[in-house]
Amino acid sequence: MNRYRAADLRAFARTLLHRAGLDDERAGIVADVLVEGDLFGHDTHGLALLAPYLAELERGSMRKEGEIILVNDRPAVALWDGQRLPGPWLMVRAVDAAIERARTYGTASVVIRRSHHIACLAAYLMRATERGFMLLIASSDPNSASVAPFGGTRAVFTPNPLALGFPTAGDPVLIDISASITTNGMVARRHSAGSPFEYPWLLDAKGQPSHEPAVMFADPPGTILPLGGLDAGHKGYGLALLVEAMTGGLAGFGRADEKEGWGATVFVQALDPTAFGGVDDFIHQMEHIAQLCHDNPPRDRSAPVRLPGERGLSRRREQLAAGVELHSSIMPALVPWASRLAVGVPGCI
């Protein structure tokens, strides 16, 4: 892996996106969100997405111009039609809108239908926790399917990620998980590298467990197992259905509709602790839980119990100081775009 200055990567991504047709504001927001993904170590959902995003802009599958359509609006609830505009830009707008409404009403939810892909969910959480809010995000892509329901062999769902962030007296807790046991991005990366998974996280088309990403590209294709795998996949299946209800169900737009291309349907909810038991009591309760987790005797003494987000935040701080470590596949995919759009490629440090 090679290291790059985070500021250089942001400028590089922003310039590529701007020359591909996005205005300065949208290009900057998308670039920032993608680099945040790599800073947290989610390197399948950071700049690895930039080349596919540029291709989507070129094809017109990601819209360069246009505005959000307000479909339904109540004081603490809004439904937006994202018009297939860039997902990270829509998400930043939605998070900010939910927080502002939650200041008045204690909680507020924004649901977005017809968004383009929204990148790494964890990248949005600190936007709320730094302001003292809890944030919940759920996302599905009604245009594709790679995860079968528990006990089945044909894909119905996407990995259907869920993210939750909340403040503490120190670092926030940042949870970013999915209803599937692995992601589409990791399957594609391992397939490209010819690298099998360590565990049988996939099923072939006949329902046989497999370590091989190639089963997802066979005809007919295999599926990704839900979270919990062969033994407890009913739990991931339940989470997938929860996400479908929060996204496609509340949006009134999902898998029952005509496919439009790679995208997302999203649920965003902000909660203000001051409207409930109060911020001091919220912090007291969550600090107590955090301490119980940290003090818990570890099964492996070399691996003490961590809270979700601790490793990502540590990695983010380290990479901001020492440079962002990009996966070896990322920059080679961007060099041709840099050549076509006449953008200088950042140097390693």
Protein backbone atom coordinates (compact mmCIF):
# COMPACT_ATOMS: atom_id res chain seq x y z
CA MET A 1 0.00 0.00 0.00
CA ASN A 2 1.06 3.60 -0.66
CA ARG A 3 0.41 6.63 1.57
CA TYR A 4 -0.95 9.98 0.41
CA ARG A 5 -1.78 13.21 2.20
CA ALA A 6 -5.50 13.34 2.94
CA ALA A 7 -5.70 16.92 1.66
CA ASP A 8 -4.08 15.87 -1.63
CA LEU A 9 -6.56 13.03 -2.06
CA ARG A 10 -9.50 15.33 -1.36
CA ALA A 11 -8.26 17.87 -3.89
CA PHE A 12 -7.60 15.14 -6.47
CA ALA A 13 -11.05 13.60 -6.07
CA ARG A 14 -12.77 16.99 -6.01
CA THR A 15 -11.07 18.08 -9.23
CA LEU A 16 -11.89 14.80 -11.01
CA LEU A 17 -15.54 15.07 -10.01
CA HIS A 18 -15.72 18.75 -10.97
CA ARG A 19 -14.26 18.08 -14.40
CA ALA A 20 -16.70 15.19 -14.78
CA GLY A 21 -19.54 17.70 -14.41
CA LEU A 22 -20.36 18.30 -10.73
CA ASP A 23 -20.40 21.82 -9.36
CA ASP A 24 -17.80 22.80 -6.76
CA GLU A 25 -20.04 22.19 -3.74
CA ARG A 26 -21.20 18.73 -4.78
CA ALA A 27 -17.76 17.67 -5.98
CA GLY A 28 -16.23 18.77 -2.68
CA ILE A 29 -18.78 16.95 -0.53
CA VAL A 30 -18.49 13.69 -2.50
CA ALA A 31 -14.68 13.88 -2.36
CA ASP A 32 -14.69 14.51 1.39
CA VAL A 33 -17.03 11.58 2.08
CA LEU A 34 -14.98 9.17 -0.04
CA VAL A 35 -11.70 10.14 1.64
CA GLU A 36 -13.39 9.79 5.06
CA GLY A 37 -14.18 6.19 4.15
CA ASP A 38 -10.48 5.48 3.58
CA LEU A 39 -9.47 7.38 6.72
CA PHE A 40 -11.70 5.07 8.76
CA GLY A 41 -10.25 2.02 7.00
CA HIS A 42 -13.39 1.17 4.97
CA ASP A 43 -11.31 0.93 1.82
CA THR A 44 -13.95 -0.76 -0.32
CA HIS A 45 -16.26 2.21 0.33
CA GLY A 46 -13.82 5.09 0.03
CA LEU A 47 -11.89 6.19 -3.04
CA ALA A 48 -12.39 2.71 -4.49
CA LEU A 49 -15.81 4.09 -5.46
CA LEU A 50 -14.47 7.15 -7.28
CA ALA A 51 -13.76 5.48 -10.64
CA PRO A 52 -17.23 3.85 -10.71
CA TYR A 53 -18.80 7.19 -9.75
CA LEU A 54 -16.98 8.93 -12.61
CA ALA A 55 -18.24 6.27 -15.00
CA GLU A 56 -21.80 6.79 -13.71
CA LEU A 57 -21.49 10.55 -14.26
CA GLU A 58 -20.24 9.95 -17.79
CA ARG A 59 -23.17 7.65 -18.57
CA GLY A 60 -25.68 9.98 -16.96
CA SER A 61 -26.73 7.33 -14.43
CA MET A 62 -25.61 9.72 -11.70
CA ARG A 63 -27.15 13.12 -12.40
CA LYS A 64 -24.84 16.11 -12.44
CA GLU A 65 -27.50 18.78 -12.04
CA GLY A 66 -30.92 19.08 -10.48
CA GLU A 67 -32.48 19.61 -7.08
CA ILE A 68 -34.19 17.53 -4.41
CA ILE A 69 -37.94 17.12 -4.81
CA LEU A 70 -39.88 17.38 -1.54
CA VAL A 71 -42.48 14.59 -1.75
CA ASN A 72 -43.90 14.80 1.76
CA ASP A 73 -43.14 17.18 4.59
CA ARG A 74 -44.22 17.32 8.23
CA PRO A 75 -42.48 19.07 11.13
CA ALA A 76 -40.35 16.08 12.16
CA VAL A 77 -40.53 13.98 8.97
CA ALA A 78 -39.63 14.51 5.33
CA LEU A 79 -39.58 12.31 2.23
CA TRP A 80 -37.24 13.43 -0.54
CA ASP A 81 -36.89 12.29 -4.13
CA GLY A 82 -33.15 12.44 -4.72
CA GLN A 83 -33.48 12.53 -8.52
CA ARG A 84 -30.45 10.15 -8.75
CA LEU A 85 -28.17 12.97 -7.67
CA PRO A 86 -24.84 12.12 -5.94
CA GLY A 87 -25.59 10.12 -2.81
CA PRO A 88 -22.98 11.69 -0.49
CA TRP A 89 -24.28 15.17 -1.29
CA LEU A 90 -27.86 14.08 -0.59
CA MET A 91 -26.78 12.39 2.65
CA VAL A 92 -24.99 15.45 4.02
CA ARG A 93 -28.10 17.53 3.25
CA ALA A 94 -30.34 14.92 4.92
CA VAL A 95 -28.22 14.60 8.06
CA ASP A 96 -28.10 18.38 8.49
CA ALA A 97 -31.85 18.71 7.91
CA ALA A 98 -32.64 15.94 10.42
CA ILE A 99 -30.42 17.56 13.06
CA GLU A 100 -31.95 21.00 12.60
CA ARG A 101 -35.49 19.63 12.92
CA ALA A 102 -34.50 17.48 15.90
CA ARG A 103 -33.33 20.62 17.74
CA THR A 104 -36.97 21.65 17.83
CA TYR A 105 -38.84 18.34 17.94
CA GLY A 106 -36.38 16.07 19.77
CA THR A 107 -36.17 13.69 16.85
CA ALA A 108 -36.56 13.98 13.09
CA SER A 109 -36.36 11.59 10.15
CA VAL A 110 -35.55 12.14 6.49
CA VAL A 111 -36.15 9.35 3.98
CA ILE A 112 -34.62 9.60 0.51
CA ARG A 113 -35.79 7.66 -2.50
CA ARG A 114 -33.97 7.57 -5.84
CA SER A 115 -30.60 8.56 -4.43
CA HIS A 116 -27.44 7.41 -6.14
CA HIS A 117 -25.02 5.28 -4.07
CA ILE A 118 -24.19 6.84 -0.68
CA ALA A 119 -20.67 5.42 0.00
CA CYS A 120 -19.54 4.66 3.58
CA LEU A 121 -22.26 5.12 6.21
CA ALA A 122 -19.73 5.63 9.02
CA ALA A 123 -18.46 8.75 7.23
CA TYR A 124 -21.65 10.65 8.19
CA LEU A 125 -21.97 9.75 11.86
CA MET A 126 -19.54 12.27 13.37
CA ARG A 127 -21.44 15.05 11.61
CA ALA A 128 -24.12 14.39 14.25
CA THR A 129 -22.14 13.16 17.26
CA GLU A 130 -19.88 16.24 17.23
CA ARG A 131 -23.05 18.30 17.75
CA GLY A 132 -24.28 16.06 20.57
CA PHE A 133 -26.85 14.11 18.55
CA MET A 134 -27.46 10.42 18.02
CA LEU A 135 -27.77 9.43 14.36
CA LEU A 136 -29.27 6.31 12.78
CA ILE A 137 -28.86 5.47 9.08
CA ALA A 138 -30.26 2.54 7.10
CA SER A 139 -29.76 1.95 3.39
CA SER A 140 -30.86 -0.48 0.69
CA ASP A 141 -30.42 -0.57 -3.09
CA PRO A 142 -33.68 -1.62 -4.76
CA ASN A 143 -31.95 -1.99 -8.10
CA SER A 144 -29.80 -4.99 -7.25
CA ALA A 145 -29.78 -8.09 -5.05
CA SER A 146 -26.99 -10.30 -3.75
CA VAL A 147 -28.23 -11.67 -0.40
CA ALA A 148 -30.73 -14.50 -0.06
CA PRO A 149 -33.27 -14.74 2.76
CA PHE A 150 -32.23 -17.26 5.41
CA GLY A 151 -32.85 -20.75 4.09
CA GLY A 152 -33.09 -19.56 0.46
CA THR A 153 -30.77 -19.73 -2.53
CA ARG A 154 -31.83 -16.75 -4.68
CA ALA A 155 -30.88 -13.16 -3.88
CA VAL A 156 -33.58 -10.78 -2.66
CA PHE A 157 -31.68 -8.13 -0.68
CA THR A 158 -28.55 -6.02 -0.89
CA PRO A 159 -26.26 -6.13 2.19
CA ASN A 160 -28.61 -3.49 3.70
CA PRO A 161 -26.22 -1.62 6.02
CA LEU A 162 -27.17 -0.01 9.31
CA ALA A 163 -25.13 2.66 11.09
CA LEU A 164 -25.52 4.31 14.48
CA GLY A 165 -23.43 6.98 16.15
CA PHE A 166 -23.80 8.50 19.60
CA PRO A 167 -21.67 10.83 21.72
CA THR A 168 -19.85 9.97 24.94
CA ALA A 169 -17.61 12.03 27.21
CA GLY A 170 -14.72 11.15 24.89
CA ASP A 171 -14.76 9.60 21.44
CA PRO A 172 -18.18 8.80 20.00
CA VAL A 173 -19.36 5.24 19.48
CA LEU A 174 -19.64 4.60 15.73
CA ILE A 175 -21.40 1.42 14.60
CA ASP A 176 -21.42 0.46 10.91
CA ILE A 177 -22.67 -3.04 10.15
CA SER A 178 -24.72 -4.80 7.51
CA ALA A 179 -27.42 -7.44 7.44
CA SER A 180 -25.12 -9.65 5.37
CA ILE A 181 -21.97 -11.44 6.47
CA THR A 182 -19.81 -9.57 3.93
CA THR A 183 -20.28 -6.84 1.32
CA ASN A 184 -20.56 -6.68 -2.44
CA GLY A 185 -17.41 -4.56 -2.56
CA MET A 186 -15.35 -7.15 -0.71
CA VAL A 187 -16.71 -9.97 -2.87
CA ALA A 188 -15.74 -8.05 -6.02
CA ARG A 189 -12.27 -7.23 -4.69
CA ARG A 190 -11.54 -10.85 -3.70
CA HIS A 191 -12.90 -12.13 -7.00
CA SER A 192 -10.62 -9.76 -8.91
CA ALA A 193 -7.64 -10.88 -6.81
CA GLY A 194 -8.55 -14.59 -7.01
CA SER A 195 -8.62 -14.68 -3.22
CA PRO A 196 -11.15 -16.96 -1.47
CA PHE A 197 -12.74 -16.01 1.85
CA GLU A 198 -11.40 -17.69 4.99
CA TYR A 199 -14.89 -18.90 5.86
CA PRO A 200 -17.85 -20.15 3.79
CA TRP A 201 -19.67 -16.82 3.66
CA LEU A 202 -21.31 -17.51 0.30
CA LEU A 203 -23.71 -20.01 -1.21
CA ASP A 204 -23.51 -21.31 -4.75
CA ALA A 205 -26.68 -21.47 -6.85
CA LYS A 206 -27.44 -24.96 -5.50
CA GLY A 207 -27.29 -23.74 -1.90
CA GLN A 208 -23.90 -25.25 -1.07
CA PRO A 209 -21.59 -23.22 1.22
CA SER A 210 -18.60 -21.72 -0.55
CA HIS A 211 -15.43 -19.77 0.16
CA GLU A 212 -15.14 -18.73 -3.50
CA PRO A 213 -16.21 -15.24 -4.65
CA ALA A 214 -16.52 -16.67 -8.17
CA VAL A 215 -19.87 -18.24 -7.26
CA MET A 216 -21.35 -14.74 -7.26
CA PHE A 217 -20.38 -14.32 -10.92
CA ALA A 218 -21.59 -17.72 -12.13
CA ASP A 219 -24.75 -18.33 -14.17
CA PRO A 220 -26.97 -18.64 -12.21
CA PRO A 221 -25.20 -16.64 -9.51
CA GLY A 222 -24.74 -17.60 -5.89
CA THR A 223 -25.57 -15.39 -2.93
CA ILE A 224 -24.00 -13.80 0.13
CA LEU A 225 -25.17 -15.30 3.40
CA PRO A 226 -27.07 -13.08 5.83
CA LEU A 227 -25.34 -12.01 9.04
CA GLY A 228 -25.11 -15.07 11.28
CA GLY A 229 -24.29 -17.40 8.41
CA LEU A 230 -25.58 -20.93 8.14
CA ASP A 231 -26.24 -21.28 11.86
CA ALA A 232 -27.86 -18.00 12.89
CA GLY A 233 -28.63 -16.25 9.60
CA HIS A 234 -32.22 -15.71 10.68
CA LYS A 235 -30.89 -12.72 12.63
CA GLY A 236 -29.35 -11.07 9.58
CA TYR A 237 -32.49 -11.91 7.63
CA GLY A 238 -34.55 -10.08 10.25
CA LEU A 239 -32.24 -7.05 10.04
CA ALA A 240 -32.53 -7.05 6.24
CA LEU A 241 -36.32 -6.94 6.49
CA LEU A 242 -36.10 -4.14 9.07
CA VAL A 243 -33.96 -2.09 6.70
CA GLU A 244 -36.34 -2.76 3.80
CA ALA A 245 -39.27 -1.45 5.86
CA MET A 246 -37.33 1.65 7.00
CA THR A 247 -36.12 2.45 3.47
CA GLY A 248 -38.25 1.10 0.62
CA GLY A 249 -41.36 0.77 2.75
CA LEU A 250 -41.33 4.29 4.19
CA ALA A 251 -40.12 5.77 0.90
CA GLY A 252 -42.89 4.09 -1.06
CA PHE A 253 -40.24 3.18 -3.60
CA GLY A 254 -38.24 -0.03 -3.61
CA ARG A 255 -37.92 -3.50 -5.04
CA ALA A 256 -41.49 -3.55 -6.34
CA ASP A 257 -40.65 -0.71 -8.76
CA GLU A 258 -38.84 -0.58 -12.09
CA LYS A 259 -35.06 -0.66 -11.72
CA GLU A 260 -33.23 2.58 -12.49
CA GLY A 261 -29.61 1.60 -11.85
CA TRP A 262 -27.07 1.59 -9.03
CA GLY A 263 -28.46 3.67 -6.19
CA ALA A 264 -29.95 3.76 -2.73
CA THR A 265 -33.07 4.27 -0.69
CA VAL A 266 -32.12 5.74 2.68
CA PHE A 267 -33.53 6.35 6.17
CA VAL A 268 -31.84 9.01 8.32
CA GLN A 269 -32.93 9.79 11.89
CA ALA A 270 -31.41 12.27 14.33
CA LEU A 271 -32.22 12.20 18.05
CA ASP A 272 -31.44 14.95 20.54
CA PRO A 273 -30.69 13.55 24.04
CA THR A 274 -31.74 16.86 25.60
CA ALA A 275 -35.32 16.12 24.55
CA PHE A 276 -35.35 12.83 26.48
CA GLY A 277 -33.53 12.18 29.77
CA GLY A 278 -31.04 15.00 29.19
CA VAL A 279 -27.55 15.00 27.72
CA ASP A 280 -25.76 14.62 31.08
CA ASP A 281 -27.73 11.52 32.00
CA PHE A 282 -27.31 10.14 28.47
CA ILE A 283 -23.52 10.52 28.71
CA HIS A 284 -23.53 9.04 32.24
CA GLN A 285 -25.40 5.93 31.10
CA MET A 286 -23.33 5.39 27.97
CA GLU A 287 -20.03 5.99 29.77
CA HIS A 288 -21.04 3.35 32.32
CA ILE A 289 -21.79 0.84 29.56
CA ALA A 290 -18.53 1.73 27.82
CA GLN A 291 -16.56 1.13 31.02
CA LEU A 292 -18.24 -2.24 31.56
CA CYS A 293 -17.20 -3.24 28.04
CA HIS A 294 -13.62 -1.99 28.39
CA ASP A 295 -13.18 -3.68 31.78
CA ASN A 296 -14.62 -6.97 30.56
CA PRO A 297 -12.07 -9.82 30.82
CA PRO A 298 -11.07 -10.59 27.21
CA ARG A 299 -11.20 -14.10 25.79
CA ASP A 300 -7.80 -13.36 24.23
CA ARG A 301 -5.59 -11.24 26.51
CA SER A 302 -3.80 -9.76 23.51
CA ALA A 303 -7.11 -8.42 22.17
CA PRO A 304 -8.97 -6.38 24.80
CA VAL A 305 -12.60 -5.50 24.26
CA ARG A 306 -13.10 -2.41 22.09
CA LEU A 307 -16.12 -0.24 21.43
CA PRO A 308 -17.37 0.07 17.84
CA GLY A 309 -15.52 2.87 16.09
CA GLU A 310 -12.43 2.86 18.33
CA ARG A 311 -10.17 1.24 15.76
CA GLY A 312 -11.56 3.41 12.95
CA LEU A 313 -11.07 6.63 14.90
CA SER A 314 -7.55 5.60 15.88
CA ARG A 315 -6.76 4.79 12.27
CA ARG A 316 -8.27 8.09 11.13
CA ARG A 317 -6.04 10.07 13.49
CA GLU A 318 -2.96 8.09 12.47
CA GLN A 319 -3.66 8.51 8.75
CA LEU A 320 -4.35 12.23 9.04
CA ALA A 321 -0.90 12.54 10.60
CA ALA A 322 1.10 9.99 8.57
CA GLY A 323 -0.84 9.78 5.30
CA VAL A 324 -3.73 7.73 3.98
CA GLU A 325 -2.91 4.15 3.08
CA LEU A 326 -4.71 3.33 -0.16
CA HIS A 327 -5.37 -0.22 -1.28
CA SER A 328 -3.10 -1.13 -4.21
CA SER A 329 -6.06 -1.42 -6.60
CA ILE A 330 -7.39 2.13 -6.12
CA MET A 331 -4.93 4.51 -7.75
CA PRO A 332 -4.39 2.36 -10.88
CA ALA A 333 -8.14 2.57 -11.49
CA LEU A 334 -8.02 6.37 -11.20
CA VAL A 335 -4.94 7.09 -13.31
CA PRO A 336 -6.80 6.66 -16.63
CA TRP A 337 -9.51 9.06 -15.44
CA ALA A 338 -6.85 11.55 -14.38
CA SER A 339 -5.33 11.35 -17.86
CA ARG A 340 -8.66 11.78 -19.62
CA LEU A 341 -9.73 14.70 -17.42
CA ALA A 342 -6.26 16.32 -17.31
CA VAL A 343 -5.87 16.12 -13.55
CA GLY A 344 -2.49 15.65 -11.90
CA VAL A 345 -2.13 12.49 -9.83
CA PRO A 346 -1.01 13.12 -6.24
CA GLY A 347 2.40 11.82 -5.24
CA CYS A 348 3.06 9.40 -2.43
CA ILE A 349 4.64 10.59 0.80
